[in-house]
């Protein structure tokens, strides 16, 4: 069972977008991207300035947005 509210999970499912800042249940953060039909969570560059910028590091990969949410990732 996710620690995130049903509202937050549904909001993520309906409104997630390329470049969205994501968080997981362990308080890790990443950037939402998609590549070749996969959902990819990229790391955040440490020196990105005020706005978060995706790094080359892949933190997580999923077959769908629903799978990503079930794994504990939602929009921050």
PDB file of N, CA and C in Angstrom:
ATOM      1  N   UNK A   1       0.841  -1.185   0.000  1.00  0.00           N
ATOM      2  CA  UNK A   1       0.000   0.000   0.000  1.00  0.00           C
ATOM      3  C   UNK A   1       0.887   1.251   0.000  1.00  0.00           C
ATOM      4  N   UNK A   2       0.552   2.184  -0.850  1.00  0.00           N
ATOM      5  CA  UNK A   2       1.340   3.407  -0.984  1.00  0.00           C
ATOM      6  C   UNK A   2       1.105   4.338   0.192  1.00  0.00           C
ATOM      7  N   UNK A   3       2.164   5.051   0.583  1.00  0.00           N
ATOM      8  CA  UNK A   3       1.994   6.045   1.639  1.00  0.00           C
ATOM      9  C   UNK A   3       1.391   7.330   1.083  1.00  0.00           C
ATOM     10  N   UNK A   4       1.371   7.469  -0.251  1.00  0.00           N
ATOM     11  CA  UNK A   4       0.815   8.670  -0.880  1.00  0.00           C
ATOM     12  C   UNK A   4      -0.707   8.578  -0.933  1.00  0.00           C
ATOM     13  N   UNK A   5      -1.359   9.712  -0.822  1.00  0.00           N
ATOM     14  CA  UNK A   5      -2.822   9.753  -0.848  1.00  0.00           C
ATOM     15  C   UNK A   5      -3.351   9.322  -2.214  1.00  0.00           C
ATOM     16  N   UNK A   6      -4.570   8.823  -2.223  1.00  0.00           N
ATOM     17  CA  UNK A   6      -5.224   8.460  -3.484  1.00  0.00           C
ATOM     18  C   UNK A   6      -5.311   9.674  -4.405  1.00  0.00           C
ATOM     19  N   UNK A   7      -5.544  10.854  -3.829  1.00  0.00           N
ATOM     20  CA  UNK A   7      -5.641  12.079  -4.622  1.00  0.00           C
ATOM     21  C   UNK A   7      -4.323  12.372  -5.330  1.00  0.00           C
ATOM     22  N   UNK A   8      -3.200  12.260  -4.620  1.00  0.00           N
ATOM     23  CA  UNK A   8      -1.892  12.516  -5.219  1.00  0.00           C
ATOM     24  C   UNK A   8      -1.577  11.474  -6.292  1.00  0.00           C
ATOM     25  N   UNK A   9      -1.907  10.229  -6.026  1.00  0.00           N
ATOM     26  CA  UNK A   9      -1.671   9.182  -7.017  1.00  0.00           C
ATOM     27  C   UNK A   9      -2.505   9.420  -8.280  1.00  0.00           C
ATOM     28  N   UNK A  10      -3.760   9.779  -8.116  1.00  0.00           N
ATOM     29  CA  UNK A  10      -4.641  10.044  -9.261  1.00  0.00           C
ATOM     30  C   UNK A  10      -4.185  11.284 -10.020  1.00  0.00           C
ATOM     31  N   UNK A  11      -3.766  12.323  -9.296  1.00  0.00           N
ATOM     32  CA  UNK A  11      -3.265  13.534  -9.940  1.00  0.00           C
ATOM     33  C   UNK A  11      -2.036  13.209 -10.797  1.00  0.00           C
ATOM     34  N   UNK A  12      -1.153  12.371 -10.269  1.00  0.00           N
ATOM     35  CA  UNK A  12       0.025  11.960 -11.029  1.00  0.00           C
ATOM     36  C   UNK A  12      -0.386  11.186 -12.278  1.00  0.00           C
ATOM     37  N   UNK A  13      -1.305  10.260 -12.132  1.00  0.00           N
ATOM     38  CA  UNK A  13      -1.760   9.450 -13.261  1.00  0.00           C
ATOM     39  C   UNK A  13      -2.334  10.322 -14.373  1.00  0.00           C
ATOM     40  N   UNK A  14      -3.111  11.324 -14.000  1.00  0.00           N
ATOM     41  CA  UNK A  14      -3.807  12.158 -14.978  1.00  0.00           C
ATOM     42  C   UNK A  14      -2.964  13.294 -15.544  1.00  0.00           C
ATOM     43  N   UNK A  15      -1.988  13.796 -14.777  1.00  0.00           N
ATOM     44  CA  UNK A  15      -1.336  15.051 -15.155  1.00  0.00           C
ATOM     45  C   UNK A  15       0.185  15.003 -15.265  1.00  0.00           C
ATOM     46  N   UNK A  16       0.819  13.855 -15.076  1.00  0.00           N
ATOM     47  CA  UNK A  16       2.280  13.809 -15.167  1.00  0.00           C
ATOM     48  C   UNK A  16       2.715  14.235 -16.570  1.00  0.00           C
ATOM     49  N   UNK A  17       3.850  14.911 -16.658  1.00  0.00           N
ATOM     50  CA  UNK A  17       4.324  15.441 -17.932  1.00  0.00           C
ATOM     51  C   UNK A  17       5.841  15.322 -18.011  1.00  0.00           C
ATOM     52  N   UNK A  18       6.353  15.361 -19.229  1.00  0.00           N
ATOM     53  CA  UNK A  18       7.789  15.289 -19.462  1.00  0.00           C
ATOM     54  C   UNK A  18       8.472  16.425 -18.705  1.00  0.00           C
ATOM     55  N   UNK A  19       9.439  16.087 -17.873  1.00  0.00           N
ATOM     56  CA  UNK A  19      10.168  17.087 -17.098  1.00  0.00           C
ATOM     57  C   UNK A  19       9.621  17.318 -15.703  1.00  0.00           C
ATOM     58  N   UNK A  20       8.518  16.646 -15.347  1.00  0.00           N
ATOM     59  CA  UNK A  20       7.938  16.816 -14.007  1.00  0.00           C
ATOM     60  C   UNK A  20       8.905  16.301 -12.944  1.00  0.00           C
ATOM     61  N   UNK A  21       8.951  16.995 -11.810  1.00  0.00           N
ATOM     62  CA  UNK A  21       9.758  16.541 -10.677  1.00  0.00           C
ATOM     63  C   UNK A  21       8.957  15.473  -9.939  1.00  0.00           C
ATOM     64  N   UNK A  22       9.598  14.325  -9.729  1.00  0.00           N
ATOM     65  CA  UNK A  22       8.966  13.184  -9.090  1.00  0.00           C
ATOM     66  C   UNK A  22       9.639  12.907  -7.750  1.00  0.00           C
ATOM     67  N   UNK A  23       8.901  12.221  -6.873  1.00  0.00           N
ATOM     68  CA  UNK A  23       9.475  11.777  -5.598  1.00  0.00           C
ATOM     69  C   UNK A  23       8.988  10.367  -5.327  1.00  0.00           C
ATOM     70  N   UNK A  24       9.790   9.629  -4.559  1.00  0.00           N
ATOM     71  CA  UNK A  24       9.353   8.296  -4.163  1.00  0.00           C
ATOM     72  C   UNK A  24       9.162   8.246  -2.653  1.00  0.00           C
ATOM     73  N   UNK A  25       8.745   7.096  -2.163  1.00  0.00           N
ATOM     74  CA  UNK A  25       8.423   6.964  -0.743  1.00  0.00           C
ATOM     75  C   UNK A  25       9.647   7.040   0.159  1.00  0.00           C
ATOM     76  N   UNK A  26      10.846   6.929  -0.413  1.00  0.00           N
ATOM     77  CA  UNK A  26      12.090   7.044   0.358  1.00  0.00           C
ATOM     78  C   UNK A  26      12.690   8.443   0.258  1.00  0.00           C
ATOM     79  N   UNK A  27      11.918   9.373  -0.280  1.00  0.00           N
ATOM     80  CA  UNK A  27      12.324  10.780  -0.431  1.00  0.00           C
ATOM     81  C   UNK A  27      13.461  10.968  -1.431  1.00  0.00           C
ATOM     82  N   UNK A  28      13.514  10.102  -2.439  1.00  0.00           N
ATOM     83  CA  UNK A  28      14.399  10.311  -3.580  1.00  0.00           C
ATOM     84  C   UNK A  28      13.643  11.158  -4.591  1.00  0.00           C
ATOM     85  N   UNK A  29      14.368  11.977  -5.336  1.00  0.00           N
ATOM     86  CA  UNK A  29      13.744  12.841  -6.327  1.00  0.00           C
ATOM     87  C   UNK A  29      14.320  12.551  -7.696  1.00  0.00           C
ATOM     88  N   UNK A  30      13.530  12.773  -8.730  1.00  0.00           N
ATOM     89  CA  UNK A  30      13.973  12.567 -10.096  1.00  0.00           C
ATOM     90  C   UNK A  30      13.098  13.339 -11.065  1.00  0.00           C
ATOM     91  N   UNK A  31      13.430  13.232 -12.338  1.00  0.00           N
ATOM     92  CA  UNK A  31      12.715  13.924 -13.403  1.00  0.00           C
ATOM     93  C   UNK A  31      12.040  12.879 -14.299  1.00  0.00           C
ATOM     94  N   UNK A  32      10.741  13.081 -14.571  1.00  0.00           N
ATOM     95  CA  UNK A  32       9.957  12.173 -15.407  1.00  0.00           C
ATOM     96  C   UNK A  32      10.318  12.365 -16.873  1.00  0.00           C
ATOM     97  N   UNK A  33      10.640  11.263 -17.552  1.00  0.00           N
ATOM     98  CA  UNK A  33      10.848  11.263 -18.997  1.00  0.00           C
ATOM     99  C   UNK A  33      10.257   9.976 -19.559  1.00  0.00           C
ATOM    100  N   UNK A  34      10.134   9.908 -20.855  1.00  0.00           N
ATOM    101  CA  UNK A  34       9.704   8.687 -21.531  1.00  0.00           C
ATOM    102  C   UNK A  34      10.646   8.428 -22.697  1.00  0.00           C
ATOM    103  N   UNK A  35      10.950   7.152 -22.933  1.00  0.00           N
ATOM    104  CA  UNK A  35      11.841   6.776 -24.022  1.00  0.00           C
ATOM    105  C   UNK A  35      11.452   5.394 -24.525  1.00  0.00           C
ATOM    106  N   UNK A  36      11.185   5.288 -25.806  1.00  0.00           N
ATOM    107  CA  UNK A  36      10.842   4.001 -26.430  1.00  0.00           C
ATOM    108  C   UNK A  36       9.700   3.292 -25.708  1.00  0.00           C
ATOM    109  N   UNK A  37       8.678   4.047 -25.323  1.00  0.00           N
ATOM    110  CA  UNK A  37       7.512   3.469 -24.665  1.00  0.00           C
ATOM    111  C   UNK A  37       7.697   3.149 -23.196  1.00  0.00           C
ATOM    112  N   UNK A  38       8.842   3.472 -22.641  1.00  0.00           N
ATOM    113  CA  UNK A  38       9.122   3.231 -21.220  1.00  0.00           C
ATOM    114  C   UNK A  38       9.043   4.539 -20.447  1.00  0.00           C
ATOM    115  N   UNK A  39       8.620   4.451 -19.208  1.00  0.00           N
ATOM    116  CA  UNK A  39       8.664   5.576 -18.276  1.00  0.00           C
ATOM    117  C   UNK A  39      10.027   5.530 -17.599  1.00  0.00           C
ATOM    118  N   UNK A  40      10.744   6.637 -17.647  1.00  0.00           N
ATOM    119  CA  UNK A  40      12.094   6.711 -17.093  1.00  0.00           C
ATOM    120  C   UNK A  40      12.142   7.834 -16.063  1.00  0.00           C
ATOM    121  N   UNK A  41      12.720   7.550 -14.900  1.00  0.00           N
ATOM    122  CA  UNK A  41      12.988   8.582 -13.899  1.00  0.00           C
ATOM    123  C   UNK A  41      14.487   8.847 -13.942  1.00  0.00           C
ATOM    124  N   UNK A  42      14.847  10.066 -14.296  1.00  0.00           N
ATOM    125  CA  UNK A  42      16.252  10.481 -14.365  1.00  0.00           C
ATOM    126  C   UNK A  42      16.642  11.175 -13.070  1.00  0.00           C
ATOM    127  N   UNK A  43      17.922  11.119 -12.751  1.00  0.00           N
ATOM    128  CA  UNK A  43      18.439  11.847 -11.602  1.00  0.00           C
ATOM    129  C   UNK A  43      18.368  13.345 -11.838  1.00  0.00           C
ATOM    130  N   UNK A  44      18.665  14.116 -10.806  1.00  0.00           N
ATOM    131  CA  UNK A  44      18.670  15.577 -10.899  1.00  0.00           C
ATOM    132  C   UNK A  44      20.106  16.053 -10.758  1.00  0.00           C
ATOM    133  N   UNK A  45      20.539  16.898 -11.698  1.00  0.00           N
ATOM    134  CA  UNK A  45      21.896  17.452 -11.640  1.00  0.00           C
ATOM    135  C   UNK A  45      22.057  18.278 -10.377  1.00  0.00           C
ATOM    136  N   UNK A  46      23.183  18.119  -9.725  1.00  0.00           N
ATOM    137  CA  UNK A  46      23.466  18.847  -8.480  1.00  0.00           C
ATOM    138  C   UNK A  46      23.690  20.330  -8.732  1.00  0.00           C
ATOM    139  N   UNK A  47      24.216  20.677  -9.906  1.00  0.00           N
ATOM    140  CA  UNK A  47      24.536  22.071 -10.209  1.00  0.00           C
ATOM    141  C   UNK A  47      23.543  22.688 -11.195  1.00  0.00           C
ATOM    142  N   UNK A  48      22.297  22.243 -11.150  1.00  0.00           N
ATOM    143  CA  UNK A  48      21.297  22.675 -12.114  1.00  0.00           C
ATOM    144  C   UNK A  48      20.746  24.069 -11.893  1.00  0.00           C
ATOM    145  N   UNK A  49      21.144  24.728 -10.822  1.00  0.00           N
ATOM    146  CA  UNK A  49      20.625  26.062 -10.549  1.00  0.00           C
ATOM    147  C   UNK A  49      19.285  26.001  -9.837  1.00  0.00           C
ATOM    148  N   UNK A  50      18.456  26.996 -10.083  1.00  0.00           N
ATOM    149  CA  UNK A  50      17.167  27.105  -9.390  1.00  0.00           C
ATOM    150  C   UNK A  50      16.193  26.017  -9.844  1.00  0.00           C
ATOM    151  N   UNK A  51      16.106  25.789 -11.143  1.00  0.00           N
ATOM    152  CA  UNK A  51      15.179  24.793 -11.679  1.00  0.00           C
ATOM    153  C   UNK A  51      15.877  23.436 -11.780  1.00  0.00           C
ATOM    154  N   UNK A  52      15.206  22.356 -11.358  1.00  0.00           N
ATOM    155  CA  UNK A  52      15.806  21.024 -11.474  1.00  0.00           C
ATOM    156  C   UNK A  52      16.058  20.656 -12.939  1.00  0.00           C
ATOM    157  N   UNK A  53      17.200  20.062 -13.209  1.00  0.00           N
ATOM    158  CA  UNK A  53      17.584  19.633 -14.550  1.00  0.00           C
ATOM    159  C   UNK A  53      17.937  18.150 -14.488  1.00  0.00           C
ATOM    160  N   UNK A  54      17.412  17.383 -15.447  1.00  0.00           N
ATOM    161  CA  UNK A  54      17.678  15.944 -15.471  1.00  0.00           C
ATOM    162  C   UNK A  54      19.142  15.653 -15.768  1.00  0.00           C
ATOM    163  N   UNK A  55      19.681  14.676 -15.058  1.00  0.00           N
ATOM    164  CA  UNK A  55      21.043  14.196 -15.325  1.00  0.00           C
ATOM    165  C   UNK A  55      20.966  13.024 -16.307  1.00  0.00           C
ATOM    166  N   UNK A  56      22.101  12.450 -16.639  1.00  0.00           N
ATOM    167  CA  UNK A  56      22.145  11.276 -17.516  1.00  0.00           C
ATOM    168  C   UNK A  56      21.829   9.986 -16.759  1.00  0.00           C
ATOM    169  N   UNK A  57      21.851  10.049 -15.430  1.00  0.00           N
ATOM    170  CA  UNK A  57      21.619   8.863 -14.594  1.00  0.00           C
ATOM    171  C   UNK A  57      20.148   8.445 -14.616  1.00  0.00           C
ATOM    172  N   UNK A  58      19.885   7.179 -14.906  1.00  0.00           N
ATOM    173  CA  UNK A  58      18.537   6.628 -14.807  1.00  0.00           C
ATOM    174  C   UNK A  58      18.367   6.039 -13.415  1.00  0.00           C
ATOM    175  N   UNK A  59      17.384   6.559 -12.673  1.00  0.00           N
ATOM    176  CA  UNK A  59      17.113   6.077 -11.317  1.00  0.00           C
ATOM    177  C   UNK A  59      16.173   4.877 -11.348  1.00  0.00           C
ATOM    178  N   UNK A  60      15.157   4.957 -12.227  1.00  0.00           N
ATOM    179  CA  UNK A  60      14.160   3.890 -12.300  1.00  0.00           C
ATOM    180  C   UNK A  60      13.565   3.851 -13.701  1.00  0.00           C
ATOM    181  N   UNK A  61      13.046   2.684 -14.070  1.00  0.00           N
ATOM    182  CA  UNK A  61      12.417   2.491 -15.374  1.00  0.00           C
ATOM    183  C   UNK A  61      11.175   1.624 -15.189  1.00  0.00           C
ATOM    184  N   UNK A  62      10.091   1.995 -15.881  1.00  0.00           N
ATOM    185  CA  UNK A  62       8.821   1.280 -15.737  1.00  0.00           C
ATOM    186  C   UNK A  62       8.166   1.102 -17.098  1.00  0.00           C
ATOM    187  N   UNK A  63       7.272   0.124 -17.191  1.00  0.00           N
ATOM    188  CA  UNK A  63       6.535  -0.113 -18.432  1.00  0.00           C
ATOM    189  C   UNK A  63       5.348   0.827 -18.600  1.00  0.00           C
ATOM    190  N   UNK A  64       4.893   1.445 -17.503  1.00  0.00           N
ATOM    191  CA  UNK A  64       3.733   2.335 -17.588  1.00  0.00           C
ATOM    192  C   UNK A  64       3.735   3.318 -16.421  1.00  0.00           C
ATOM    193  N   UNK A  65       2.923   4.343 -16.553  1.00  0.00           N
ATOM    194  CA  UNK A  65       2.770   5.314 -15.468  1.00  0.00           C
ATOM    195  C   UNK A  65       2.147   4.637 -14.253  1.00  0.00           C
ATOM    196  N   UNK A  66       1.182   3.769 -14.477  1.00  0.00           N
ATOM    197  CA  UNK A  66       0.556   3.049 -13.356  1.00  0.00           C
ATOM    198  C   UNK A  66       1.577   2.213 -12.593  1.00  0.00           C
ATOM    199  N   UNK A  67       2.464   1.549 -13.315  1.00  0.00           N
ATOM    200  CA  UNK A  67       3.516   0.760 -12.663  1.00  0.00           C
ATOM    201  C   UNK A  67       4.427   1.670 -11.841  1.00  0.00           C
ATOM    202  N   UNK A  68       4.751   2.841 -12.385  1.00  0.00           N
ATOM    203  CA  UNK A  68       5.588   3.812 -11.672  1.00  0.00           C
ATOM    204  C   UNK A  68       4.915   4.233 -10.362  1.00  0.00           C
ATOM    205  N   UNK A  69       3.620   4.549 -10.427  1.00  0.00           N
ATOM    206  CA  UNK A  69       2.879   4.971  -9.234  1.00  0.00           C
ATOM    207  C   UNK A  69       2.818   3.832  -8.220  1.00  0.00           C
ATOM    208  N   UNK A  70       2.555   2.615  -8.689  1.00  0.00           N
ATOM    209  CA  UNK A  70       2.500   1.457  -7.788  1.00  0.00           C
ATOM    210  C   UNK A  70       3.835   1.195  -7.106  1.00  0.00           C
ATOM    211  N   UNK A  71       4.933   1.621  -7.748  1.00  0.00           N
ATOM    212  CA  UNK A  71       6.268   1.478  -7.155  1.00  0.00           C
ATOM    213  C   UNK A  71       6.582   2.616  -6.183  1.00  0.00           C
ATOM    214  N   UNK A  72       5.648   3.574  -6.041  1.00  0.00           N
ATOM    215  CA  UNK A  72       5.816   4.631  -5.047  1.00  0.00           C
ATOM    216  C   UNK A  72       6.251   5.979  -5.579  1.00  0.00           C
ATOM    217  N   UNK A  73       6.314   6.158  -6.905  1.00  0.00           N
ATOM    218  CA  UNK A  73       6.712   7.441  -7.487  1.00  0.00           C
ATOM    219  C   UNK A  73       5.485   8.279  -7.826  1.00  0.00           C
ATOM    220  N   UNK A  74       5.481   9.541  -7.396  1.00  0.00           N
ATOM    221  CA  UNK A  74       4.410  10.490  -7.706  1.00  0.00           C
ATOM    222  C   UNK A  74       5.021  11.858  -8.007  1.00  0.00           C
ATOM    223  N   UNK A  75       4.205  12.756  -8.556  1.00  0.00           N
ATOM    224  CA  UNK A  75       4.689  14.118  -8.791  1.00  0.00           C
ATOM    225  C   UNK A  75       4.882  14.824  -7.465  1.00  0.00           C
ATOM    226  N   UNK A  76       5.943  15.623  -7.380  1.00  0.00           N
ATOM    227  CA  UNK A  76       6.236  16.379  -6.169  1.00  0.00           C
ATOM    228  C   UNK A  76       5.442  17.668  -6.176  1.00  0.00           C
TER     229      UNK A  76
END
